Amino acid sequence: QARSYNKQMRPAILDHCSGNKWTNTSHHPEYLIGEEALYVNPLDCYNIHWPIRRGQLNIHPGPGGSLTAVLADLEAIWSHVIQKYLEIPLKDLKYYRCILLIPDIYNKQHVKEMVNMTLMKMGFSGIVVHQESVCATFGSGLGSACIVDVGDQKTSVCCVEDGVSHRNTRLCLAYGGSDVSRCFYWLMQRAGFPYRDCQLTNKMDCLLLQHLKETFCHLDQDISGLQDHEFQIRHPDSPALLYQFRLGDEKLQAPMALFYPATFGIVGQKMTTLPQRSQGDPEDPHDEHYLLATQSKQEQVGPRGAGAPAGLGVPQRSQRRWEAPARAGGRELGGCVLGGCLVGEGQLRVRGLCSLKWEGRKESSRDAGLASDDTKKKMYSSILVVGGGLMFHKAQEFLQHRILNKMPPSFRRVVENVDVITRPKDMDPRLIAWKGGAVLACLDTTQELWVYQREWQRFGVRMLRERAAFVW
């Protein structure tokens, strides 16, 4: 019925001029940023660069895809925003410090280069590097929570307890809100979408699809049946058009694809990222490889009281810092997985945002603490959803219902209630992490975390190992 109705619909002309214009490039600017870049006429000689893709720096073999080029793009974007919107001249940045939020699963080389760019090229006097998930708890006022960050192109999951991100619970899934838009377009096409010239390769059409998704999609299972809708198209150099069309369950099915990622065509392990051991850095002699080697020597020789010479092995503090990443690469990886991965006995499979499982092996005090009943209760009772990819009507109730249905029976005696928080303190979930960064900058304990320009110039990446509030 929807298809037969939509097939016969024709657009109505609202105005012969849409009111939107292409960006004026007659003065041949070297680069354009933000909305101006999106509205560049495709016939102009410009390349569009996306410095960040799927939550990481967008390194690729095409133009502008090298690490140096991506960092130069980031520097241009940040400098433009600081001057235009914060009204701070770049020459005055030496009087300012900044907070750099990084993903929970980060590339050490990229973080190092971004810190170097921020301090040495842009000229900030100091910097604190912290993880997005921990800052999300600061911004929401929660002490412990399972953070689900649903962005435009990636979804990350991490459990934070008392300001510490549990490494064994981190994972990143390479799908998000833009994939929902793509799925919604496919479903609308199947229902005879009347705007037949729509193309996913056209920037204007992509913006339109995102707007349609945000306007019509929902997760309210009480809404069913066909409904009439309308939308306008206002492309530059084109008349303003009004389309009417009819949709049914497509508005519910598209966001539900987040719980069934096979709908996106996502299969296998390549779309799921887990923490990996660093490749090492020549500027950091006491990196993970050094700690692992010295720890092995210490274990071979035995405890110092049993004949080991004084000074052999790794210092006790460094040994403790190594424990967390040491186990993450093997079969003992476990913890809280909200719908991304089911990990156990070396197997991995992609799942949707509908499963919250705890696994763990109580072979050490650290693992026992991670999988304790108290920790399970904390994580289930505070599931914080941030980012802009799941801002659908009734998303909170839908996710809560799915988790309750998927909860293993053995957990029901431990967990009293499952609380899904999508808008803490009625704040925009897209800004929670940045709000947490502002809170972090005001804490007294943060004074020990600042890395200053002169220190970075002298000691380099070693300062991150000493000052970072997480295991570097």
Protein backbone atom coordinates (compact mmCIF):
# COMPACT_ATOMS: atom_id res chain seq x y z
CA GLN A 1 0.00 0.00 0.00
CA ALA A 2 2.78 2.42 0.89
CA ARG A 3 4.68 1.67 -2.30
CA SER A 4 1.68 2.08 -4.58
CA TYR A 5 0.81 5.39 -2.87
CA ASN A 6 4.39 6.74 -2.97
CA LYS A 7 4.95 5.72 -6.60
CA GLN A 8 2.27 8.09 -7.81
CA MET A 9 3.31 11.09 -5.70
CA ARG A 10 4.88 14.06 -7.47
CA PRO A 11 6.60 17.03 -5.80
CA ALA A 12 4.92 20.37 -5.35
CA ILE A 13 6.98 23.47 -6.14
CA LEU A 14 7.01 25.78 -3.13
CA ASP A 15 9.34 28.38 -4.58
CA HIS A 16 11.44 28.71 -7.70
CA CYS A 17 14.43 29.63 -5.50
CA SER A 18 15.32 27.37 -2.58
CA GLY A 19 17.01 30.15 -0.63
CA ASN A 20 20.21 28.13 -0.16
CA LYS A 21 23.37 29.02 -2.03
CA TRP A 22 26.68 27.37 -2.75
CA THR A 23 29.63 28.66 -0.76
CA ASN A 24 31.23 31.66 -2.47
CA THR A 25 34.72 30.59 -3.56
CA SER A 26 35.42 33.52 -5.93
CA HIS A 27 38.27 34.72 -3.68
CA HIS A 28 39.84 31.23 -3.87
CA PRO A 29 40.33 30.49 -0.15
CA GLU A 30 43.02 27.96 0.70
CA TYR A 31 40.55 25.88 2.71
CA LEU A 32 36.96 25.96 3.96
CA ILE A 33 35.71 24.49 7.22
CA GLY A 34 32.38 23.27 8.59
CA GLU A 35 29.12 24.26 6.89
CA GLU A 36 31.04 26.21 4.25
CA ALA A 37 32.86 23.02 3.24
CA LEU A 38 29.61 21.05 2.98
CA TYR A 39 28.07 23.63 0.66
CA VAL A 40 30.97 23.85 -1.78
CA ASN A 41 29.77 23.39 -5.35
CA PRO A 42 30.92 19.96 -6.61
CA LEU A 43 32.17 21.70 -9.79
CA ASP A 44 34.71 23.72 -7.74
CA CYS A 45 38.22 22.35 -7.51
CA TYR A 46 38.20 21.30 -3.86
CA ASN A 47 38.83 18.01 -2.10
CA ILE A 48 36.78 17.26 1.01
CA HIS A 49 38.81 15.81 3.88
CA TRP A 50 37.34 14.04 6.92
CA PRO A 51 40.16 13.98 9.52
CA ILE A 52 38.32 11.53 11.81
CA ARG A 53 36.47 8.42 10.66
CA ARG A 54 34.94 5.63 12.74
CA GLY A 55 36.26 7.31 15.88
CA GLN A 56 39.93 7.28 14.82
CA LEU A 57 42.21 9.47 12.70
CA ASN A 58 41.28 8.86 9.07
CA ILE A 59 44.54 7.49 7.66
CA HIS A 60 44.04 6.33 4.06
CA PRO A 61 46.02 6.13 0.78
CA GLY A 62 44.09 8.92 -0.97
CA PRO A 63 44.77 12.69 -1.03
CA GLY A 64 45.16 14.10 2.48
CA GLY A 65 45.27 10.63 4.00
CA SER A 66 48.73 10.64 5.56
CA LEU A 67 49.16 11.19 9.29
CA THR A 68 50.87 14.52 8.67
CA ALA A 69 48.03 15.72 6.42
CA VAL A 70 45.32 14.60 8.88
CA LEU A 71 47.06 16.42 11.74
CA ALA A 72 47.39 19.54 9.58
CA ASP A 73 43.63 19.38 8.87
CA LEU A 74 42.87 19.02 12.59
CA GLU A 75 45.12 21.95 13.42
CA ALA A 76 43.37 24.11 10.80
CA ILE A 77 39.90 23.14 12.06
CA TRP A 78 40.70 23.70 15.76
CA SER A 79 42.48 26.99 15.05
CA HIS A 80 39.52 28.21 12.99
CA VAL A 81 37.01 27.29 15.71
CA ILE A 82 39.09 28.87 18.49
CA GLN A 83 39.42 32.14 16.59
CA LYS A 84 35.87 32.34 15.18
CA TYR A 85 33.70 31.00 18.00
CA LEU A 86 35.82 31.47 21.13
CA GLU A 87 37.30 34.72 19.83
CA ILE A 88 40.77 33.86 21.11
CA PRO A 89 43.69 34.98 18.92
CA LEU A 90 46.13 32.17 18.24
CA LYS A 91 49.00 34.25 19.61
CA ASP A 92 47.26 34.23 23.03
CA LEU A 93 47.06 30.43 23.29
CA LYS A 94 50.25 30.48 25.37
CA TYR A 95 48.06 31.79 28.21
CA TYR A 96 45.64 28.83 27.94
CA ARG A 97 45.68 25.13 28.75
CA CYS A 98 43.46 22.47 27.21
CA ILE A 99 41.89 19.07 27.87
CA LEU A 100 42.31 16.46 25.12
CA LEU A 101 39.71 13.68 25.18
CA ILE A 102 40.72 10.46 23.45
CA PRO A 103 38.79 7.25 22.73
CA ASP A 104 39.04 4.39 25.22
CA ILE A 105 40.71 2.29 22.53
CA TYR A 106 43.35 4.68 21.26
CA ASN A 107 46.40 4.60 19.03
CA LYS A 108 49.41 5.72 21.08
CA GLN A 109 51.26 7.12 18.08
CA HIS A 110 48.26 9.24 17.11
CA VAL A 111 47.76 10.54 20.65
CA LYS A 112 51.44 11.42 20.87
CA GLU A 113 51.31 13.37 17.60
CA MET A 114 48.13 15.20 18.64
CA VAL A 115 49.68 16.26 21.95
CA ASN A 116 52.78 17.43 20.11
CA MET A 117 50.64 19.41 17.65
CA THR A 118 48.60 21.00 20.46
CA LEU A 119 51.59 22.05 22.55
CA MET A 120 54.33 22.74 20.02
CA LYS A 121 52.43 23.92 16.92
CA MET A 122 49.25 25.51 18.25
CA GLY A 123 51.09 26.81 21.30
CA PHE A 124 48.96 25.83 24.33
CA SER A 125 50.92 26.08 27.57
CA GLY A 126 49.69 22.79 29.02
CA ILE A 127 47.49 19.78 28.33
CA VAL A 128 45.69 16.96 30.15
CA VAL A 129 44.90 13.78 28.20
CA HIS A 130 41.97 11.72 29.41
CA GLN A 131 39.53 9.09 28.13
CA GLU A 132 36.07 9.95 26.86
CA SER A 133 34.26 7.35 28.97
CA VAL A 134 35.70 8.59 32.26
CA CYS A 135 34.86 12.19 31.37
CA ALA A 136 31.32 11.07 30.51
CA THR A 137 30.89 9.89 34.11
CA PHE A 138 32.26 13.22 35.36
CA GLY A 139 29.81 15.10 33.13
CA SER A 140 26.81 13.05 34.25
CA GLY A 141 27.71 13.06 37.94
CA LEU A 142 27.97 9.25 38.17
CA GLY A 143 30.69 7.46 40.11
CA SER A 144 30.41 4.20 38.16
CA ALA A 145 28.62 3.33 34.94
CA CYS A 146 28.66 1.24 31.81
CA ILE A 147 29.24 3.87 29.10
CA VAL A 148 27.67 3.24 25.70
CA ASP A 149 28.83 5.91 23.26
CA VAL A 150 26.74 5.75 20.07
CA GLY A 151 28.23 8.20 17.60
CA ASP A 152 27.73 8.89 13.92
CA GLN A 153 30.16 6.25 12.69
CA LYS A 154 31.11 4.12 15.71
CA THR A 155 29.69 2.67 18.90
CA SER A 156 32.00 2.12 21.86
CA VAL A 157 31.36 0.34 25.15
CA CYS A 158 33.37 0.65 28.35
CA CYS A 159 32.80 0.14 32.07
CA VAL A 160 34.03 2.89 34.39
CA GLU A 161 34.32 2.38 38.13
CA ASP A 162 35.41 5.19 40.44
CA GLY A 163 37.09 7.15 37.66
CA VAL A 164 38.93 4.13 36.18
CA SER A 165 38.13 2.62 32.79
CA HIS A 166 38.36 -1.18 32.92
CA ARG A 167 40.53 -2.20 30.01
CA ASN A 168 38.96 -5.66 29.81
CA THR A 169 35.55 -4.16 29.04
CA ARG A 170 36.52 -1.87 26.15
CA LEU A 171 35.37 -2.49 22.62
CA CYS A 172 34.50 -0.40 19.60
CA LEU A 173 31.99 -1.32 16.89
CA ALA A 174 32.34 0.33 13.50
CA TYR A 175 28.73 1.40 13.03
CA GLY A 176 26.58 4.25 14.29
CA GLY A 177 23.99 6.86 13.37
CA SER A 178 25.10 7.30 9.76
CA ASP A 179 24.54 3.59 9.16
CA VAL A 180 21.00 3.99 10.50
CA SER A 181 20.48 6.79 7.95
CA ARG A 182 21.75 4.51 5.18
CA CYS A 183 19.48 1.70 6.33
CA PHE A 184 16.50 4.08 6.52
CA TYR A 185 17.19 5.19 2.93
CA TRP A 186 17.20 1.56 1.76
CA LEU A 187 13.91 0.87 3.58
CA MET A 188 12.29 4.02 2.13
CA GLN A 189 13.43 3.04 -1.36
CA ARG A 190 11.74 -0.32 -0.89
CA ALA A 191 8.58 1.59 0.06
CA GLY A 192 8.73 3.70 -3.11
CA PHE A 193 10.54 6.80 -1.80
CA PRO A 194 9.15 9.62 -4.02
CA TYR A 195 12.44 11.59 -4.19
CA ARG A 196 13.91 9.33 -6.84
CA ASP A 197 17.02 11.41 -7.57
CA CYS A 198 18.39 10.85 -4.05
CA GLN A 199 21.99 9.62 -4.08
CA LEU A 200 24.20 8.57 -1.16
CA THR A 201 27.16 10.12 -2.97
CA ASN A 202 25.54 13.58 -2.91
CA LYS A 203 26.37 15.66 0.20
CA MET A 204 23.03 17.51 0.09
CA ASP A 205 21.09 14.25 -0.09
CA CYS A 206 23.07 12.81 2.83
CA LEU A 207 22.16 15.84 4.94
CA LEU A 208 18.52 15.38 3.91
CA LEU A 209 18.55 11.68 4.89
CA GLN A 210 20.04 12.53 8.26
CA HIS A 211 17.29 15.10 8.81
CA LEU A 212 14.59 12.57 7.82
CA LYS A 213 16.04 10.00 10.21
CA GLU A 214 16.11 12.45 13.11
CA THR A 215 12.58 13.63 12.33
CA PHE A 216 10.71 10.38 11.66
CA CYS A 217 12.61 7.44 13.21
CA HIS A 218 11.68 6.19 16.68
CA LEU A 219 11.83 3.14 18.96
CA ASP A 220 8.24 3.31 20.22
CA GLN A 221 6.66 -0.11 19.64
CA ASP A 222 3.20 1.30 20.33
CA ILE A 223 3.31 3.25 17.07
CA SER A 224 2.31 1.09 14.11
CA GLY A 225 0.49 1.31 10.82
CA LEU A 226 0.88 3.59 7.83
CA GLN A 227 1.21 7.32 8.40
CA ASP A 228 1.43 10.27 6.02
CA HIS A 229 4.49 12.53 6.17
CA GLU A 230 5.97 15.38 4.19
CA PHE A 231 9.41 16.91 3.76
CA GLN A 232 11.02 19.73 1.84
CA ILE A 233 14.11 19.75 -0.38
CA ARG A 234 16.03 23.00 -0.59
CA HIS A 235 19.16 22.41 -2.64
CA PRO A 236 21.26 25.31 -3.99
CA ASP A 237 20.45 26.43 -7.53
CA SER A 238 17.23 24.39 -7.45
CA PRO A 239 13.60 25.14 -6.68
CA ALA A 240 12.20 24.36 -3.22
CA LEU A 241 10.13 21.16 -3.45
CA LEU A 242 7.55 19.64 -1.13
CA TYR A 243 7.15 15.84 -1.12
CA GLN A 244 4.40 13.85 0.55
CA PHE A 245 4.84 10.15 1.23
CA ARG A 246 3.56 7.32 3.39
CA LEU A 247 5.63 5.14 5.73
CA GLY A 248 4.90 2.29 8.11
CA ASP A 249 7.28 0.26 10.26
CA GLU A 250 10.35 1.50 8.36
CA LYS A 251 10.65 4.26 10.96
CA LEU A 252 11.05 1.62 13.69
CA GLN A 253 13.06 -0.90 11.70
CA ALA A 254 15.92 1.47 10.80
CA PRO A 255 17.04 2.33 14.37
CA MET A 256 16.48 -1.31 15.40
CA ALA A 257 19.34 -2.18 13.02
CA LEU A 258 21.70 -1.03 15.82
CA PHE A 259 20.58 -4.17 17.65
CA TYR A 260 20.89 -6.35 14.53
CA PRO A 261 24.08 -5.13 12.79
CA ALA A 262 23.77 -7.78 10.09
CA THR A 263 21.20 -5.38 8.60
CA PHE A 264 24.12 -3.03 7.85
CA GLY A 265 25.95 -5.83 6.10
CA ILE A 266 28.39 -6.08 9.01
CA VAL A 267 29.75 -9.58 9.52
CA GLY A 268 32.92 -11.11 10.94
CA GLN A 269 35.55 -9.63 13.19
CA LYS A 270 36.84 -6.74 11.06
CA MET A 271 34.18 -4.32 12.33
CA THR A 272 34.98 -4.90 16.01
CA THR A 273 38.02 -3.32 17.66
CA LEU A 274 39.50 -4.52 20.94
CA PRO A 275 42.52 -3.12 22.84
CA GLN A 276 45.78 -4.13 21.20
CA ARG A 277 49.30 -4.09 22.51
CA SER A 278 51.33 -1.10 21.35
CA GLN A 279 54.03 -1.55 18.72
CA GLY A 280 56.47 0.40 20.89
CA ASP A 281 57.99 3.85 20.67
CA PRO A 282 61.73 4.59 20.37
CA GLU A 283 61.24 7.72 22.51
CA ASP A 284 59.77 5.69 25.37
CA PRO A 285 62.34 3.12 26.57
CA HIS A 286 60.11 1.90 29.42
CA ASP A 287 57.15 0.97 27.24
CA GLU A 288 54.99 -2.16 27.50
CA HIS A 289 57.56 -4.37 25.78
CA TYR A 290 60.26 -3.37 28.27
CA LEU A 291 57.94 -3.94 31.22
CA LEU A 292 56.89 -7.34 29.90
CA ALA A 293 60.50 -8.43 29.33
CA THR A 294 61.70 -7.31 32.75
CA GLN A 295 58.66 -8.83 34.42
CA SER A 296 59.44 -12.16 32.76
CA LYS A 297 63.04 -11.99 34.00
CA GLN A 298 61.87 -11.27 37.50
CA GLU A 299 59.52 -14.25 37.44
CA GLN A 300 62.30 -16.51 36.20
CA VAL A 301 64.74 -15.45 38.92
CA GLY A 302 62.10 -15.57 41.64
CA PRO A 303 61.36 -13.27 44.55
CA ARG A 304 64.18 -11.09 45.80
CA GLY A 305 64.29 -12.95 49.12
CA ALA A 306 64.92 -16.24 47.31
CA GLY A 307 68.23 -15.30 45.82
CA ALA A 308 67.37 -12.62 43.28
CA PRO A 309 69.98 -9.86 43.23
CA ALA A 310 68.84 -6.43 44.39
CA GLY A 311 67.65 -4.12 41.66
CA LEU A 312 66.76 -6.89 39.21
CA GLY A 313 63.36 -6.72 37.54
CA VAL A 314 60.77 -4.09 37.20
CA PRO A 315 59.85 -1.73 40.05
CA GLN A 316 56.73 -2.72 41.96
CA ARG A 317 54.73 0.31 40.77
CA SER A 318 55.52 -0.33 37.13
CA GLN A 319 54.70 -4.01 37.56
CA ARG A 320 51.23 -3.18 38.82
CA ARG A 321 50.70 -0.77 35.94
CA TRP A 322 51.56 -3.54 33.49
CA GLU A 323 49.10 -6.07 34.87
CA ALA A 324 46.03 -4.58 33.18
CA PRO A 325 47.30 -4.56 29.59
CA ALA A 326 49.25 -7.81 30.01
CA ARG A 327 46.15 -9.94 30.15
CA ALA A 328 44.08 -8.11 27.57
CA GLY A 329 45.55 -9.85 24.55
CA GLY A 330 44.84 -13.43 25.61
CA ARG A 331 41.96 -15.71 26.42
CA GLU A 332 41.28 -14.06 29.76
CA LEU A 333 39.63 -11.07 28.10
CA GLY A 334 36.20 -10.74 29.68
CA GLY A 335 33.98 -8.22 31.40
CA CYS A 336 30.92 -6.24 30.60
CA VAL A 337 29.94 -6.39 26.97
CA LEU A 338 26.88 -4.38 26.01
CA GLY A 339 25.82 -5.89 22.79
CA GLY A 340 29.07 -5.79 20.96
CA CYS A 341 31.09 -8.89 21.51
CA LEU A 342 30.81 -12.17 23.25
CA VAL A 343 34.37 -13.06 24.19
CA GLY A 344 35.44 -16.38 25.62
CA GLU A 345 37.86 -19.20 24.83
CA GLY A 346 39.40 -17.16 22.05
CA GLN A 347 36.18 -16.76 20.05
CA LEU A 348 34.63 -13.53 18.89
CA ARG A 349 31.40 -12.69 17.12
CA VAL A 350 29.67 -9.44 16.36
CA ARG A 351 26.41 -8.82 18.16
CA GLY A 352 23.93 -5.99 18.41
CA LEU A 353 23.29 -3.48 21.18
CA CYS A 354 21.00 -5.86 23.01
CA SER A 355 23.23 -8.11 25.11
CA LEU A 356 24.84 -7.20 28.41
CA LYS A 357 27.03 -10.07 29.54
CA TRP A 358 29.60 -10.52 32.19
CA GLU A 359 32.40 -12.97 31.87
CA GLY A 360 35.49 -13.24 33.92
CA ARG A 361 37.94 -15.69 35.41
CA LYS A 362 38.67 -15.24 39.08
CA GLU A 363 42.33 -16.07 38.76
CA SER A 364 43.60 -12.90 40.36
CA SER A 365 42.35 -10.25 42.72
CA ARG A 366 41.95 -7.87 39.78
CA ASP A 367 39.74 -10.27 37.83
CA ALA A 368 37.76 -11.16 40.95
CA GLY A 369 37.09 -7.48 41.57
CA LEU A 370 36.01 -6.92 37.99
CA ALA A 371 33.50 -9.77 38.00
CA SER A 372 32.25 -9.36 41.57
CA ASP A 373 28.55 -9.17 42.33
CA ASP A 374 28.96 -5.62 43.56
CA THR A 375 30.54 -4.52 40.28
CA LYS A 376 27.84 -6.25 38.23
CA LYS A 377 25.20 -4.44 40.24
CA LYS A 378 26.93 -1.08 39.68
CA MET A 379 27.20 -1.56 35.93
CA TYR A 380 23.64 -2.78 35.42
CA SER A 381 22.20 -0.05 37.61
CA SER A 382 23.92 2.75 35.63
CA ILE A 383 24.02 2.22 31.87
CA LEU A 384 24.82 5.66 30.47
CA VAL A 385 24.10 6.23 26.77
CA VAL A 386 25.94 9.21 25.29
CA GLY A 387 26.56 10.50 21.78
CA GLY A 388 24.06 11.50 19.13
CA GLY A 389 23.46 8.16 17.39
CA LEU A 390 20.65 6.86 19.63
CA MET A 391 18.58 10.01 20.17
CA PHE A 392 15.31 8.37 19.16
CA HIS A 393 11.94 8.64 20.87
CA LYS A 394 11.54 5.87 23.51
CA ALA A 395 15.16 4.69 23.05
CA GLN A 396 15.63 4.53 26.82
CA GLU A 397 12.65 2.24 27.41
CA PHE A 398 13.49 0.08 24.39
CA LEU A 399 17.10 -0.52 25.46
CA GLN A 400 16.06 -1.20 29.05
CA HIS A 401 13.50 -3.76 27.91
CA ARG A 402 16.02 -5.51 25.65
CA ILE A 403 18.64 -5.74 28.38
CA LEU A 404 16.16 -7.17 30.90
CA ASN A 405 15.16 -9.86 28.40
CA LYS A 406 18.77 -10.74 27.59
CA MET A 407 20.01 -10.78 31.19
CA PRO A 408 21.31 -14.23 32.23
CA PRO A 409 19.15 -15.86 34.94
CA SER A 410 22.14 -16.09 37.29
CA PHE A 411 22.35 -12.26 37.37
CA ARG A 412 18.73 -11.69 38.33
CA ARG A 413 19.43 -12.50 41.97
CA VAL A 414 22.28 -9.95 42.03
CA VAL A 415 20.86 -7.07 40.01
CA GLU A 416 17.89 -5.36 41.60
CA ASN A 417 17.16 -2.89 38.81
CA VAL A 418 18.48 -1.97 35.37
CA ASP A 419 18.66 1.77 34.84
CA VAL A 420 19.36 3.14 31.36
CA ILE A 421 20.24 6.85 31.38
CA THR A 422 20.01 8.67 28.06
CA ARG A 423 19.76 12.31 29.17
CA PRO A 424 21.53 12.78 32.52
CA LYS A 425 20.46 16.00 34.22
CA ASP A 426 18.43 16.78 31.07
CA MET A 427 21.63 17.56 29.17
CA ASP A 428 22.30 16.94 25.50
CA PRO A 429 23.93 13.45 25.42
CA ARG A 430 26.26 14.66 22.63
CA LEU A 431 27.92 17.08 25.07
CA ILE A 432 28.26 14.91 28.19
CA ALA A 433 31.93 14.00 27.64
CA TRP A 434 32.89 17.62 26.95
CA LYS A 435 31.00 18.73 30.05
CA GLY A 436 33.04 16.14 31.96
CA GLY A 437 36.24 17.57 30.53
CA ALA A 438 35.29 20.97 31.91
CA VAL A 439 34.60 19.39 35.32
CA LEU A 440 37.95 17.57 35.15
CA ALA A 441 39.82 20.84 34.57
CA CYS A 442 38.39 22.24 37.81
CA LEU A 443 39.35 19.35 40.10
CA ASP A 444 42.19 19.81 42.57
CA THR A 445 43.60 16.37 41.72
CA THR A 446 43.95 17.41 38.08
CA GLN A 447 46.82 19.73 38.97
CA GLU A 448 49.09 16.68 39.03
CA LEU A 449 48.07 15.64 35.51
CA TRP A 450 49.06 18.73 33.52
CA VAL A 451 51.82 18.24 30.93
CA TYR A 452 53.44 21.58 30.19
CA GLN A 453 55.06 22.69 26.97
CA ARG A 454 58.59 22.86 28.36
CA GLU A 455 58.28 19.38 29.91
CA TRP A 456 57.00 17.92 26.66
CA GLN A 457 59.81 19.55 24.72
CA ARG A 458 62.37 17.97 27.03
CA PHE A 459 60.92 14.52 27.84
CA GLY A 460 58.41 13.88 25.05
CA VAL A 461 55.98 10.97 25.26
CA ARG A 462 57.45 9.80 28.58
CA MET A 463 55.44 12.57 30.24
CA LEU A 464 52.22 10.80 29.26
CA ARG A 465 53.37 7.66 31.05
CA GLU A 466 54.06 9.69 34.19
CA ARG A 467 51.10 12.09 34.13
CA ALA A 468 48.22 10.25 32.44
CA ALA A 469 45.37 9.33 34.78
CA PHE A 470 45.07 5.94 33.07
CA VAL A 471 47.48 3.15 32.17
CA TRP A 472 49.37 4.52 29.16
